């Protein structure tokens, strides 16, 4: 079963996706794509069954996502625009 993402429209009351300022692609909506700031591998957070789903630790061995239980501040994930994500994965 595929997860559906619902974005704001003029008639809805949900918040729109956050926006990123990308040096290459300008201002774009953030769609859940991440890059590891240590090794530059790209990850996605939308579909666990899809390739490159972000796990707690990056393939390089560094902590990718924050550990909410321990309030870890040392993690390497940074948001990336969707266009950069697809270019990096090509």
N, C-alpha and C. Protein backbone atom coordinates (compact mmCIF):
# COMPACT_ATOMS: atom_id res chain seq x y z
N UNK A 1 0.84 -1.18 0.00
CA UNK A 1 0.00 0.00 0.00
C UNK A 1 0.88 1.24 0.00
N UNK A 2 0.61 2.16 -0.89
CA UNK A 2 1.41 3.37 -0.99
C UNK A 2 0.87 4.45 -0.07
N UNK A 3 1.79 5.17 0.57
CA UNK A 3 1.39 6.28 1.42
C UNK A 3 1.05 7.48 0.55
N UNK A 4 0.02 8.19 0.91
CA UNK A 4 -0.36 9.38 0.18
C UNK A 4 0.10 10.60 0.95
N UNK A 5 0.62 11.57 0.22
CA UNK A 5 1.00 12.84 0.83
C UNK A 5 -0.01 13.88 0.35
N UNK A 6 -0.60 14.56 1.28
CA UNK A 6 -1.59 15.57 0.94
C UNK A 6 -0.99 16.93 1.21
N UNK A 7 -0.98 17.78 0.20
CA UNK A 7 -0.44 19.12 0.35
C UNK A 7 -1.57 20.13 0.37
N UNK A 8 -1.28 21.27 0.91
CA UNK A 8 -2.29 22.31 1.07
C UNK A 8 -2.76 22.84 -0.28
N UNK A 9 -4.02 23.09 -0.34
CA UNK A 9 -4.61 23.81 -1.47
C UNK A 9 -5.32 25.01 -0.89
N UNK A 10 -5.89 25.82 -1.73
CA UNK A 10 -6.56 27.01 -1.23
C UNK A 10 -7.71 26.67 -0.29
N UNK A 11 -8.35 25.52 -0.53
CA UNK A 11 -9.52 25.19 0.26
C UNK A 11 -9.20 24.30 1.47
N UNK A 12 -7.95 23.85 1.61
CA UNK A 12 -7.64 22.97 2.73
C UNK A 12 -7.09 23.77 3.91
N UNK A 13 -7.02 23.09 5.05
CA UNK A 13 -6.54 23.77 6.25
C UNK A 13 -5.18 23.24 6.70
N UNK A 14 -4.58 22.28 5.98
CA UNK A 14 -3.29 21.77 6.39
C UNK A 14 -2.18 22.72 5.93
N UNK A 15 -1.03 22.62 6.59
CA UNK A 15 0.09 23.48 6.26
C UNK A 15 0.74 23.04 4.95
N UNK A 16 1.23 23.97 4.17
CA UNK A 16 1.96 23.61 2.95
C UNK A 16 3.31 23.02 3.33
N UNK A 17 3.95 22.29 2.40
CA UNK A 17 5.27 21.74 2.72
C UNK A 17 6.26 22.87 2.95
N UNK A 18 7.24 22.66 3.82
CA UNK A 18 8.25 23.69 4.03
C UNK A 18 9.01 23.94 2.72
N UNK A 19 9.61 25.10 2.60
CA UNK A 19 10.31 25.45 1.37
C UNK A 19 11.82 25.55 1.64
N UNK A 20 12.59 25.19 0.62
CA UNK A 20 14.05 25.26 0.68
C UNK A 20 14.54 26.28 -0.33
N UNK A 21 15.65 26.91 -0.02
CA UNK A 21 16.31 27.74 -1.01
C UNK A 21 17.53 26.97 -1.50
N UNK A 22 17.45 26.52 -2.73
CA UNK A 22 18.52 25.73 -3.36
C UNK A 22 19.34 26.66 -4.24
N UNK A 23 20.68 26.57 -4.15
CA UNK A 23 21.54 27.41 -4.97
C UNK A 23 21.39 27.11 -6.46
N UNK A 24 21.05 25.88 -6.79
CA UNK A 24 20.91 25.48 -8.20
C UNK A 24 19.50 25.65 -8.75
N UNK A 25 18.49 25.42 -7.92
CA UNK A 25 17.11 25.36 -8.41
C UNK A 25 16.18 26.40 -7.81
N UNK A 26 16.69 27.32 -7.05
CA UNK A 26 15.86 28.37 -6.47
C UNK A 26 15.03 27.85 -5.30
N UNK A 27 13.94 28.53 -5.02
CA UNK A 27 13.07 28.13 -3.90
C UNK A 27 12.15 27.01 -4.35
N UNK A 28 12.19 25.91 -3.62
CA UNK A 28 11.38 24.74 -3.97
C UNK A 28 10.75 24.17 -2.70
N UNK A 29 9.65 23.42 -2.82
CA UNK A 29 9.10 22.75 -1.64
C UNK A 29 10.02 21.61 -1.23
N UNK A 30 10.15 21.41 0.08
CA UNK A 30 10.94 20.28 0.57
C UNK A 30 10.04 19.06 0.59
N UNK A 31 10.44 18.00 -0.11
CA UNK A 31 9.62 16.81 -0.26
C UNK A 31 10.17 15.62 0.50
N UNK A 32 10.99 15.87 1.51
CA UNK A 32 11.49 14.79 2.36
C UNK A 32 12.81 14.20 1.91
N UNK A 33 13.55 14.89 1.06
CA UNK A 33 14.84 14.38 0.60
C UNK A 33 15.95 14.92 1.50
N UNK A 34 16.94 14.05 1.76
CA UNK A 34 18.05 14.40 2.65
C UNK A 34 19.38 14.07 1.98
N UNK A 35 20.43 14.72 2.45
CA UNK A 35 21.79 14.39 2.03
C UNK A 35 22.64 14.28 3.30
N UNK A 36 23.54 13.30 3.33
CA UNK A 36 24.47 13.15 4.45
C UNK A 36 25.57 14.19 4.26
N UNK A 37 25.82 15.00 5.26
CA UNK A 37 26.82 16.05 5.15
C UNK A 37 28.25 15.51 5.22
N UNK A 38 28.42 14.23 5.54
CA UNK A 38 29.76 13.63 5.59
C UNK A 38 30.13 13.01 4.25
N UNK A 39 29.25 12.18 3.68
CA UNK A 39 29.61 11.43 2.47
C UNK A 39 28.82 11.86 1.23
N UNK A 40 27.84 12.75 1.39
CA UNK A 40 27.00 13.26 0.31
C UNK A 40 26.08 12.22 -0.33
N UNK A 41 25.81 11.11 0.36
CA UNK A 41 24.79 10.17 -0.13
C UNK A 41 23.43 10.83 0.08
N UNK A 42 22.51 10.55 -0.84
CA UNK A 42 21.17 11.12 -0.73
C UNK A 42 20.18 10.06 -0.26
N UNK A 43 19.16 10.52 0.46
CA UNK A 43 18.16 9.65 1.07
C UNK A 43 16.79 10.29 0.91
N UNK A 44 15.74 9.47 1.02
CA UNK A 44 14.37 9.99 0.99
C UNK A 44 13.63 9.48 2.22
N UNK A 45 12.62 10.22 2.65
CA UNK A 45 11.89 9.87 3.87
C UNK A 45 10.41 9.57 3.63
N UNK A 46 10.00 9.52 2.37
CA UNK A 46 8.57 9.38 2.08
C UNK A 46 8.07 7.95 2.02
N UNK A 47 8.86 7.03 1.50
CA UNK A 47 8.38 5.67 1.25
C UNK A 47 9.39 4.64 1.76
N UNK A 48 9.09 3.98 2.87
CA UNK A 48 10.03 3.00 3.43
C UNK A 48 10.39 1.87 2.46
N UNK A 49 9.50 1.52 1.56
CA UNK A 49 9.78 0.42 0.64
C UNK A 49 10.58 0.87 -0.59
N UNK A 50 10.72 2.16 -0.79
CA UNK A 50 11.42 2.69 -1.96
C UNK A 50 12.93 2.70 -1.73
N UNK A 51 13.70 2.74 -2.81
CA UNK A 51 15.16 2.81 -2.67
C UNK A 51 15.60 4.07 -1.92
N UNK A 52 16.71 3.97 -1.26
CA UNK A 52 17.35 5.08 -0.55
C UNK A 52 16.49 5.66 0.57
N UNK A 53 15.75 4.80 1.27
CA UNK A 53 14.97 5.26 2.42
C UNK A 53 15.93 5.56 3.57
N UNK A 54 15.76 6.69 4.20
CA UNK A 54 16.66 7.13 5.27
C UNK A 54 16.47 6.28 6.53
N UNK A 55 17.54 5.66 6.96
CA UNK A 55 17.57 4.92 8.22
C UNK A 55 18.29 5.78 9.26
N UNK A 56 18.36 5.30 10.48
CA UNK A 56 19.00 6.08 11.54
C UNK A 56 20.46 6.36 11.25
N UNK A 57 21.17 5.39 10.67
CA UNK A 57 22.58 5.56 10.38
C UNK A 57 22.81 5.54 8.87
N UNK A 58 23.72 6.38 8.41
CA UNK A 58 24.07 6.44 6.99
C UNK A 58 24.96 5.24 6.64
N UNK A 59 25.05 4.93 5.36
CA UNK A 59 25.91 3.84 4.90
C UNK A 59 27.38 4.11 5.23
N UNK A 60 27.76 5.36 5.41
CA UNK A 60 29.15 5.69 5.76
C UNK A 60 29.45 5.43 7.23
N UNK A 61 28.41 5.10 8.02
CA UNK A 61 28.60 4.79 9.44
C UNK A 61 28.26 5.94 10.38
N UNK A 62 28.02 7.11 9.84
CA UNK A 62 27.68 8.27 10.68
C UNK A 62 26.19 8.25 11.02
N UNK A 63 25.85 8.91 12.10
CA UNK A 63 24.45 9.05 12.52
C UNK A 63 23.75 9.98 11.54
N UNK A 64 22.77 9.48 10.78
CA UNK A 64 22.08 10.29 9.78
C UNK A 64 20.95 11.11 10.39
N UNK A 65 20.10 10.45 11.15
CA UNK A 65 18.92 11.10 11.72
C UNK A 65 19.07 11.29 13.22
N UNK A 66 18.48 12.32 13.77
CA UNK A 66 18.57 12.52 15.22
C UNK A 66 17.83 11.44 15.98
N UNK A 67 18.35 11.09 17.12
CA UNK A 67 17.70 10.13 18.01
C UNK A 67 16.82 10.94 18.95
N UNK A 68 15.53 10.92 18.71
CA UNK A 68 14.62 11.77 19.47
C UNK A 68 14.56 11.37 20.95
N UNK A 69 14.76 10.10 21.25
CA UNK A 69 14.71 9.66 22.65
C UNK A 69 15.88 10.22 23.44
N UNK A 70 17.05 10.31 22.82
CA UNK A 70 18.24 10.81 23.51
C UNK A 70 18.51 12.28 23.22
N UNK A 71 17.66 12.90 22.41
CA UNK A 71 17.84 14.30 22.03
C UNK A 71 19.23 14.54 21.44
N UNK A 72 19.68 13.60 20.59
CA UNK A 72 21.00 13.71 19.99
C UNK A 72 21.07 14.94 19.10
N UNK A 73 22.14 15.66 19.23
CA UNK A 73 22.35 16.86 18.42
C UNK A 73 23.34 16.60 17.28
N UNK A 74 24.03 15.48 17.34
CA UNK A 74 25.02 15.17 16.31
C UNK A 74 24.43 14.22 15.28
N UNK A 75 23.98 14.78 14.19
CA UNK A 75 23.48 13.97 13.09
C UNK A 75 23.87 14.67 11.80
N UNK A 76 23.92 13.92 10.70
CA UNK A 76 24.49 14.45 9.47
C UNK A 76 23.47 14.78 8.39
N UNK A 77 22.20 14.49 8.59
CA UNK A 77 21.18 14.74 7.56
C UNK A 77 20.94 16.24 7.38
N UNK A 78 20.90 16.64 6.12
CA UNK A 78 20.55 18.01 5.76
C UNK A 78 19.51 17.94 4.65
N UNK A 79 18.54 18.85 4.64
CA UNK A 79 17.52 18.82 3.59
C UNK A 79 18.12 19.15 2.23
N UNK A 80 17.56 18.55 1.19
CA UNK A 80 18.01 18.78 -0.18
C UNK A 80 16.78 18.88 -1.06
N UNK A 81 16.85 19.68 -2.10
CA UNK A 81 15.68 19.83 -2.97
C UNK A 81 15.50 18.56 -3.81
N UNK A 82 14.29 18.34 -4.28
CA UNK A 82 13.97 17.15 -5.04
C UNK A 82 14.77 17.03 -6.32
N UNK A 83 15.02 18.14 -7.00
CA UNK A 83 15.79 18.09 -8.23
C UNK A 83 17.22 17.65 -7.97
N UNK A 84 17.85 18.18 -6.93
CA UNK A 84 19.21 17.77 -6.58
C UNK A 84 19.24 16.30 -6.17
N UNK A 85 18.21 15.83 -5.48
CA UNK A 85 18.12 14.43 -5.08
C UNK A 85 18.14 13.52 -6.30
N UNK A 86 17.33 13.84 -7.30
CA UNK A 86 17.27 13.00 -8.49
C UNK A 86 18.53 13.08 -9.33
N UNK A 87 19.16 14.24 -9.40
CA UNK A 87 20.42 14.36 -10.12
C UNK A 87 21.50 13.55 -9.43
N UNK A 88 21.56 13.61 -8.11
CA UNK A 88 22.59 12.88 -7.35
C UNK A 88 22.41 11.37 -7.46
N UNK A 89 21.16 10.92 -7.62
CA UNK A 89 20.91 9.48 -7.68
C UNK A 89 20.99 8.90 -9.07
N UNK A 90 21.18 9.74 -10.07
CA UNK A 90 21.21 9.26 -11.46
C UNK A 90 22.49 8.50 -11.78
